[in-house]
Structures are given as C-alpha cells and as structure tokens.
PDB file of N, CA and C in Angstrom:
ATOM      1  N   UNK A   1       7.412   9.460  20.812  1.00  0.00           N
ATOM      2  CA  UNK A   1       6.681   8.777  19.871  1.00  0.00           C
ATOM      3  C   UNK A   1       7.211   7.325  19.795  1.00  0.00           C
ATOM      4  N   UNK A   2       8.499   7.022  19.640  1.00  0.00           N
ATOM      5  CA  UNK A   2       8.915   5.710  19.533  1.00  0.00           C
ATOM      6  C   UNK A   2      10.045   5.537  20.538  1.00  0.00           C
ATOM      7  N   UNK A   3      10.019   4.371  21.181  1.00  0.00           N
ATOM      8  CA  UNK A   3      11.098   3.985  22.165  1.00  0.00           C
ATOM      9  C   UNK A   3      12.389   3.525  21.438  1.00  0.00           C
ATOM     10  N   UNK A   4      13.407   4.155  21.935  1.00  0.00           N
ATOM     11  CA  UNK A   4      14.686   3.849  21.174  1.00  0.00           C
ATOM     12  C   UNK A   4      15.199   2.294  21.228  1.00  0.00           C
ATOM     13  N   UNK A   5      14.418   1.650  22.001  1.00  0.00           N
ATOM     14  CA  UNK A   5      14.779   0.074  22.190  1.00  0.00           C
ATOM     15  C   UNK A   5      13.775  -0.634  21.288  1.00  0.00           C
ATOM     16  N   UNK A   6      12.772  -0.068  20.593  1.00  0.00           N
ATOM     17  CA  UNK A   6      11.981  -0.821  19.665  1.00  0.00           C
ATOM     18  C   UNK A   6      12.768  -1.261  18.523  1.00  0.00           C
ATOM     19  N   UNK A   7      12.269  -2.522  18.077  1.00  0.00           N
ATOM     20  CA  UNK A   7      12.783  -3.118  16.760  1.00  0.00           C
ATOM     21  C   UNK A   7      12.291  -2.272  15.719  1.00  0.00           C
ATOM     22  N   UNK A   8      12.993  -2.480  14.487  1.00  0.00           N
ATOM     23  CA  UNK A   8      12.673  -1.759  13.294  1.00  0.00           C
ATOM     24  C   UNK A   8      11.245  -2.258  12.844  1.00  0.00           C
ATOM     25  N   UNK A   9      10.943  -3.602  13.065  1.00  0.00           N
ATOM     26  CA  UNK A   9       9.619  -4.050  12.770  1.00  0.00           C
ATOM     27  C   UNK A   9       8.485  -3.340  13.615  1.00  0.00           C
ATOM     28  N   UNK A  10       8.788  -3.148  14.960  1.00  0.00           N
ATOM     29  CA  UNK A  10       7.753  -2.452  15.780  1.00  0.00           C
ATOM     30  C   UNK A  10       7.610  -1.204  15.243  1.00  0.00           C
ATOM     31  N   UNK A  11       8.601  -0.416  15.079  1.00  0.00           N
ATOM     32  CA  UNK A  11       8.569   0.964  14.393  1.00  0.00           C
ATOM     33  C   UNK A  11       7.735   1.082  13.183  1.00  0.00           C
ATOM     34  N   UNK A  12       7.981   0.093  12.227  1.00  0.00           N
ATOM     35  CA  UNK A  12       7.214   0.142  10.957  1.00  0.00           C
ATOM     36  C   UNK A  12       5.710  -0.140  11.366  1.00  0.00           C
ATOM     37  N   UNK A  13       5.397  -1.235  12.208  1.00  0.00           N
ATOM     38  CA  UNK A  13       4.070  -1.401  12.460  1.00  0.00           C
ATOM     39  C   UNK A  13       3.376  -0.159  13.205  1.00  0.00           C
ATOM     40  N   UNK A  14       4.000   0.505  14.030  1.00  0.00           N
ATOM     41  CA  UNK A  14       3.443   1.595  14.782  1.00  0.00           C
ATOM     42  C   UNK A  14       3.103   2.769  13.614  1.00  0.00           C
ATOM     43  N   UNK A  15       4.109   2.992  12.641  1.00  0.00           N
ATOM     44  CA  UNK A  15       3.932   3.872  11.758  1.00  0.00           C
ATOM     45  C   UNK A  15       2.832   3.752  10.839  1.00  0.00           C
ATOM     46  N   UNK A  16       2.656   2.276  10.462  1.00  0.00           N
ATOM     47  CA  UNK A  16       1.596   1.864   9.560  1.00  0.00           C
ATOM     48  C   UNK A  16       0.216   2.103  10.343  1.00  0.00           C
ATOM     49  N   UNK A  17       0.209   1.911  11.642  1.00  0.00           N
ATOM     50  CA  UNK A  17      -1.102   2.169  12.337  1.00  0.00           C
ATOM     51  C   UNK A  17      -1.407   3.695  12.383  1.00  0.00           C
ATOM     52  N   UNK A  18      -0.396   4.564  12.553  1.00  0.00           N
ATOM     53  CA  UNK A  18      -0.646   5.902  12.473  1.00  0.00           C
ATOM     54  C   UNK A  18      -1.172   6.449  11.148  1.00  0.00           C
ATOM     55  N   UNK A  19      -0.625   5.713  10.092  1.00  0.00           N
ATOM     56  CA  UNK A  19      -1.121   6.068   8.771  1.00  0.00           C
ATOM     57  C   UNK A  19      -2.512   5.340   8.262  1.00  0.00           C
ATOM     58  N   UNK A  20      -3.002   4.564   9.256  1.00  0.00           N
ATOM     59  CA  UNK A  20      -4.246   3.829   9.061  1.00  0.00           C
ATOM     60  C   UNK A  20      -4.045   2.793   7.849  1.00  0.00           C
ATOM     61  N   UNK A  21      -3.014   2.245   7.809  1.00  0.00           N
ATOM     62  CA  UNK A  21      -2.724   1.236   6.765  1.00  0.00           C
ATOM     63  C   UNK A  21      -3.416  -0.150   7.321  1.00  0.00           C
ATOM     64  N   UNK A  22      -3.854  -0.970   6.320  1.00  0.00           N
ATOM     65  CA  UNK A  22      -4.433  -2.187   6.709  1.00  0.00           C
ATOM     66  C   UNK A  22      -4.062  -3.311   5.745  1.00  0.00           C
ATOM     67  N   UNK A  23      -4.204  -4.445   6.067  1.00  0.00           N
ATOM     68  CA  UNK A  23      -3.624  -5.798   5.177  1.00  0.00           C
ATOM     69  C   UNK A  23      -4.688  -6.138   4.300  1.00  0.00           C
ATOM     70  N   UNK A  24      -5.867  -5.603   4.248  1.00  0.00           N
ATOM     71  CA  UNK A  24      -7.011  -6.196   3.247  1.00  0.00           C
ATOM     72  C   UNK A  24      -6.664  -5.808   1.713  1.00  0.00           C
ATOM     73  N   UNK A  25      -6.484  -6.955   0.947  1.00  0.00           N
ATOM     74  CA  UNK A  25      -6.122  -6.767  -0.266  1.00  0.00           C
ATOM     75  C   UNK A  25      -7.194  -5.938  -1.060  1.00  0.00           C
ATOM     76  N   UNK A  26      -8.363  -6.232  -0.897  1.00  0.00           N
ATOM     77  CA  UNK A  26      -9.481  -5.680  -1.602  1.00  0.00           C
ATOM     78  C   UNK A  26      -9.375  -4.001  -1.412  1.00  0.00           C
ATOM     79  N   UNK A  27      -9.179  -3.867  -0.055  1.00  0.00           N
ATOM     80  CA  UNK A  27      -8.910  -2.346   0.157  1.00  0.00           C
ATOM     81  C   UNK A  27      -7.756  -1.674  -0.545  1.00  0.00           C
ATOM     82  N   UNK A  28      -6.668  -2.557  -0.595  1.00  0.00           N
ATOM     83  CA  UNK A  28      -5.488  -2.033  -1.257  1.00  0.00           C
ATOM     84  C   UNK A  28      -5.805  -1.782  -2.809  1.00  0.00           C
ATOM     85  N   UNK A  29      -6.574  -2.801  -3.355  1.00  0.00           N
ATOM     86  CA  UNK A  29      -6.817  -2.707  -4.720  1.00  0.00           C
ATOM     87  C   UNK A  29      -7.714  -1.341  -4.983  1.00  0.00           C
ATOM     88  N   UNK A  30      -8.547  -1.008  -4.124  1.00  0.00           N
ATOM     89  CA  UNK A  30      -9.617  -0.015  -4.282  1.00  0.00           C
ATOM     90  C   UNK A  30      -8.780   1.271  -4.424  1.00  0.00           C
ATOM     91  N   UNK A  31      -7.883   1.408  -3.359  1.00  0.00           N
ATOM     92  CA  UNK A  31      -7.080   2.677  -3.203  1.00  0.00           C
ATOM     93  C   UNK A  31      -6.284   2.869  -4.422  1.00  0.00           C
ATOM     94  N   UNK A  32      -5.437   1.735  -4.814  1.00  0.00           N
ATOM     95  CA  UNK A  32      -4.614   1.745  -5.987  1.00  0.00           C
ATOM     96  C   UNK A  32      -5.339   2.105  -7.138  1.00  0.00           C
ATOM     97  N   UNK A  33      -6.602   1.615  -7.325  1.00  0.00           N
ATOM     98  CA  UNK A  33      -7.448   1.868  -8.573  1.00  0.00           C
ATOM     99  C   UNK A  33      -7.650   3.457  -8.707  1.00  0.00           C
ATOM    100  N   UNK A  34      -7.718   4.174  -7.480  1.00  0.00           N
ATOM    101  CA  UNK A  34      -8.087   5.530  -7.637  1.00  0.00           C
ATOM    102  C   UNK A  34      -6.763   6.279  -8.081  1.00  0.00           C
ATOM    103  N   UNK A  35      -5.563   5.761  -7.831  1.00  0.00           N
ATOM    104  CA  UNK A  35      -4.443   6.381  -8.210  1.00  0.00           C
ATOM    105  C   UNK A  35      -3.919   5.981  -9.602  1.00  0.00           C
ATOM    106  N   UNK A  36      -4.147   4.964 -10.082  1.00  0.00           N
ATOM    107  CA  UNK A  36      -3.538   4.376 -11.301  1.00  0.00           C
ATOM    108  C   UNK A  36      -4.609   3.921 -12.285  1.00  0.00           C
ATOM    109  N   UNK A  37      -4.673   4.498 -13.275  1.00  0.00           N
ATOM    110  CA  UNK A  37      -5.551   4.107 -14.282  1.00  0.00           C
ATOM    111  C   UNK A  37      -4.876   3.388 -15.374  1.00  0.00           C
ATOM    112  N   UNK A  38      -5.137   2.052 -15.739  1.00  0.00           N
ATOM    113  CA  UNK A  38      -4.332   1.328 -16.623  1.00  0.00           C
ATOM    114  C   UNK A  38      -5.086   1.455 -18.027  1.00  0.00           C
ATOM    115  N   UNK A  39      -4.345   1.715 -19.027  1.00  0.00           N
ATOM    116  CA  UNK A  39      -4.833   1.777 -20.397  1.00  0.00           C
ATOM    117  C   UNK A  39      -4.516   0.501 -20.988  1.00  0.00           C
ATOM    118  N   UNK A  40      -5.450  -0.059 -21.814  1.00  0.00           N
ATOM    119  CA  UNK A  40      -5.143  -1.393 -22.470  1.00  0.00           C
ATOM    120  C   UNK A  40      -4.212  -1.010 -23.682  1.00  0.00           C
ATOM    121  N   UNK A  41      -3.258  -1.964 -23.943  1.00  0.00           N
ATOM    122  CA  UNK A  41      -2.294  -1.850 -25.117  1.00  0.00           C
ATOM    123  C   UNK A  41      -3.128  -2.121 -26.122  1.00  0.00           C
ATOM    124  N   UNK A  42      -2.831  -1.386 -27.345  1.00  0.00           N
ATOM    125  CA  UNK A  42      -3.498  -1.643 -28.646  1.00  0.00           C
ATOM    126  C   UNK A  42      -3.056  -2.860 -29.128  1.00  0.00           C
ATOM    127  N   UNK A  43      -4.148  -3.626 -29.731  1.00  0.00           N
ATOM    128  CA  UNK A  43      -3.684  -5.029 -30.411  1.00  0.00           C
ATOM    129  C   UNK A  43      -2.911  -4.641 -31.651  1.00  0.00           C
ATOM    130  N   UNK A  44      -1.986  -5.692 -31.741  1.00  0.00           N
ATOM    131  CA  UNK A  44      -1.257  -5.770 -32.846  1.00  0.00           C
ATOM    132  C   UNK A  44      -1.687  -6.601 -33.888  1.00  0.00           C
ATOM    133  N   UNK A  45      -1.970  -6.190 -35.293  1.00  0.00           N
ATOM    134  CA  UNK A  45      -2.494  -7.203 -36.160  1.00  0.00           C
ATOM    135  C   UNK A  45      -1.280  -7.850 -36.971  1.00  0.00           C
ATOM    136  N   UNK A  46      -1.349  -8.998 -37.165  1.00  0.00           N
ATOM    137  CA  UNK A  46      -0.154  -9.607 -37.818  1.00  0.00           C
ATOM    138  C   UNK A  46      -0.515  -9.851 -39.217  1.00  0.00           C
TER     139      UNK A  46
END
C-alpha cells in the first residue's frame, strides 16, 4: 500500500484519494449537512 519512504503528507494524500475525499467546499457542506442538523437557538426576550 504505502512505501516506507513516503512522507507523512504523501501518505495522507494517498489515503484521502482512497476515501474519495475532495477539496470542494460546497461538496463538504452538502455532506456535513446530511450528518449535522443545526437547531436555531430560542430567542431571549429582554
């Protein structure tokens, strides 16, 4: 799988490719939105 002489960065990049990761922020937000549902905080009246 990995060459023992590979740098840590090269190992990380190889693993990211295997996991089909990408750098597209919109794609990241889409995937994150499927995992996390944000509930709005209730408004405080003063």
